[in-house]
Amino acid sequence: MSAIRPYIVTDKAGDTRLVQASNQAQALRHAATNQFTVRAATANEVLELMTRGVQPEVASQEKEQPEC
């Protein structure tokens, strides 16, 4: 089990949060849950969004940044 440590999470607007977590991904996930919701899209929703010009994004499985 990883040790809990404080992480600074800053959004693009410059607002900063101090989050205690086991790793960076957990800290980011905690902060993001207050700003976003996620669910699977239906085929009709994909069609509607793409018709309005929304382009699909591909999420990569990036490695976590090394901790200092």
C-alpha atoms as a PDB file:
ATOM      1  CA  MET A   1       0.000   0.000   0.000  1.00  0.00           C
ATOM      2  CA  SER A   2       1.335   3.439  -0.909  1.00  0.00           C
ATOM      3  CA  ALA A   3       1.803   6.096   1.700  1.00  0.00           C
ATOM      4  CA  ILE A   4      -0.661   8.963   1.723  1.00  0.00           C
ATOM      5  CA  ARG A   5       0.974  12.277   0.871  1.00  0.00           C
ATOM      6  CA  PRO A   6      -0.210  15.766  -0.085  1.00  0.00           C
ATOM      7  CA  TYR A   7      -0.475  16.700  -3.759  1.00  0.00           C
ATOM      8  CA  ILE A   8      -1.079  20.141  -5.230  1.00  0.00           C
ATOM      9  CA  VAL A   9      -3.753  19.964  -7.944  1.00  0.00           C
ATOM     10  CA  THR A  10      -4.063  23.111 -10.073  1.00  0.00           C
ATOM     11  CA  ASP A  11      -6.645  23.638 -12.798  1.00  0.00           C
ATOM     12  CA  LYS A  12      -6.142  25.629 -16.002  1.00  0.00           C
ATOM     13  CA  ALA A  13      -7.706  28.711 -14.377  1.00  0.00           C
ATOM     14  CA  GLY A  14      -4.987  28.633 -11.710  1.00  0.00           C
ATOM     15  CA  ASP A  15      -7.185  27.480  -8.827  1.00  0.00           C
ATOM     16  CA  THR A  16      -5.155  25.265  -6.510  1.00  0.00           C
ATOM     17  CA  ARG A  17      -6.250  22.424  -4.250  1.00  0.00           C
ATOM     18  CA  LEU A  18      -4.299  20.436  -1.701  1.00  0.00           C
ATOM     19  CA  VAL A  19      -5.321  16.771  -1.910  1.00  0.00           C
ATOM     20  CA  GLN A  20      -4.059  13.919   0.247  1.00  0.00           C
ATOM     21  CA  ALA A  21      -3.743  10.771  -1.882  1.00  0.00           C
ATOM     22  CA  SER A  22      -1.655   7.673  -2.512  1.00  0.00           C
ATOM     23  CA  ASN A  23      -0.514   8.859  -5.966  1.00  0.00           C
ATOM     24  CA  GLN A  24      -0.932  11.636  -8.555  1.00  0.00           C
ATOM     25  CA  ALA A  25      -3.660   9.824 -10.475  1.00  0.00           C
ATOM     26  CA  GLN A  26      -5.738   9.378  -7.331  1.00  0.00           C
ATOM     27  CA  ALA A  27      -5.333  13.067  -6.440  1.00  0.00           C
ATOM     28  CA  LEU A  28      -6.362  14.169  -9.929  1.00  0.00           C
ATOM     29  CA  ARG A  29      -9.306  11.769 -10.006  1.00  0.00           C
ATOM     30  CA  HIS A  30     -10.506  13.114  -6.648  1.00  0.00           C
ATOM     31  CA  ALA A  31     -10.348  16.719  -7.878  1.00  0.00           C
ATOM     32  CA  ALA A  32     -11.957  15.914 -11.237  1.00  0.00           C
ATOM     33  CA  THR A  33     -14.988  14.193  -9.717  1.00  0.00           C
ATOM     34  CA  ASN A  34     -16.166  17.586  -8.455  1.00  0.00           C
ATOM     35  CA  GLN A  35     -16.024  19.094 -11.952  1.00  0.00           C
ATOM     36  CA  PHE A  36     -16.930  16.281 -14.337  1.00  0.00           C
ATOM     37  CA  THR A  37     -19.263  13.371 -14.791  1.00  0.00           C
ATOM     38  CA  VAL A  38     -18.527  10.451 -17.110  1.00  0.00           C
ATOM     39  CA  ARG A  39     -20.839   7.899 -18.714  1.00  0.00           C
ATOM     40  CA  ALA A  40     -20.872   5.794 -21.846  1.00  0.00           C
ATOM     41  CA  ALA A  41     -22.298   7.561 -24.905  1.00  0.00           C
ATOM     42  CA  THR A  42     -25.100   6.070 -26.957  1.00  0.00           C
ATOM     43  CA  ALA A  43     -24.787   5.832 -30.725  1.00  0.00           C
ATOM     44  CA  ASN A  44     -27.363   8.621 -31.118  1.00  0.00           C
ATOM     45  CA  GLU A  45     -25.413  10.891 -28.756  1.00  0.00           C
ATOM     46  CA  VAL A  46     -22.189  10.283 -30.690  1.00  0.00           C
ATOM     47  CA  LEU A  47     -23.986  11.121 -33.936  1.00  0.00           C
ATOM     48  CA  GLU A  48     -25.531  14.270 -32.480  1.00  0.00           C
ATOM     49  CA  LEU A  49     -22.266  15.538 -30.991  1.00  0.00           C
ATOM     50  CA  MET A  50     -20.227  14.815 -34.115  1.00  0.00           C
ATOM     51  CA  THR A  51     -22.873  16.553 -36.224  1.00  0.00           C
ATOM     52  CA  ARG A  52     -22.321  19.638 -34.034  1.00  0.00           C
ATOM     53  CA  GLY A  53     -18.577  19.450 -34.703  1.00  0.00           C
ATOM     54  CA  VAL A  54     -17.407  17.702 -31.537  1.00  0.00           C
ATOM     55  CA  GLN A  55     -14.445  15.499 -32.464  1.00  0.00           C
ATOM     56  CA  PRO A  56     -13.729  12.250 -30.603  1.00  0.00           C
ATOM     57  CA  GLU A  57     -10.650  12.265 -28.385  1.00  0.00           C
ATOM     58  CA  VAL A  58      -8.481   9.212 -27.785  1.00  0.00           C
ATOM     59  CA  ALA A  59      -7.450   8.724 -24.171  1.00  0.00           C
ATOM     60  CA  SER A  60      -3.942   7.381 -23.847  1.00  0.00           C
ATOM     61  CA  GLN A  61      -2.619   5.314 -21.028  1.00  0.00           C
ATOM     62  CA  GLU A  62       0.179   7.681 -20.118  1.00  0.00           C
ATOM     63  CA  LYS A  63       2.576   6.736 -17.382  1.00  0.00           C
ATOM     64  CA  GLU A  64       2.298   8.767 -14.212  1.00  0.00           C
ATOM     65  CA  GLN A  65       4.784  11.583 -13.787  1.00  0.00           C
ATOM     66  CA  PRO A  66       7.670  10.597 -11.529  1.00  0.00           C
ATOM     67  CA  GLU A  67       7.295  11.928  -8.027  1.00  0.00           C
ATOM     68  CA  CYS A  68       9.922  14.272  -6.638  1.00  0.00           C
END
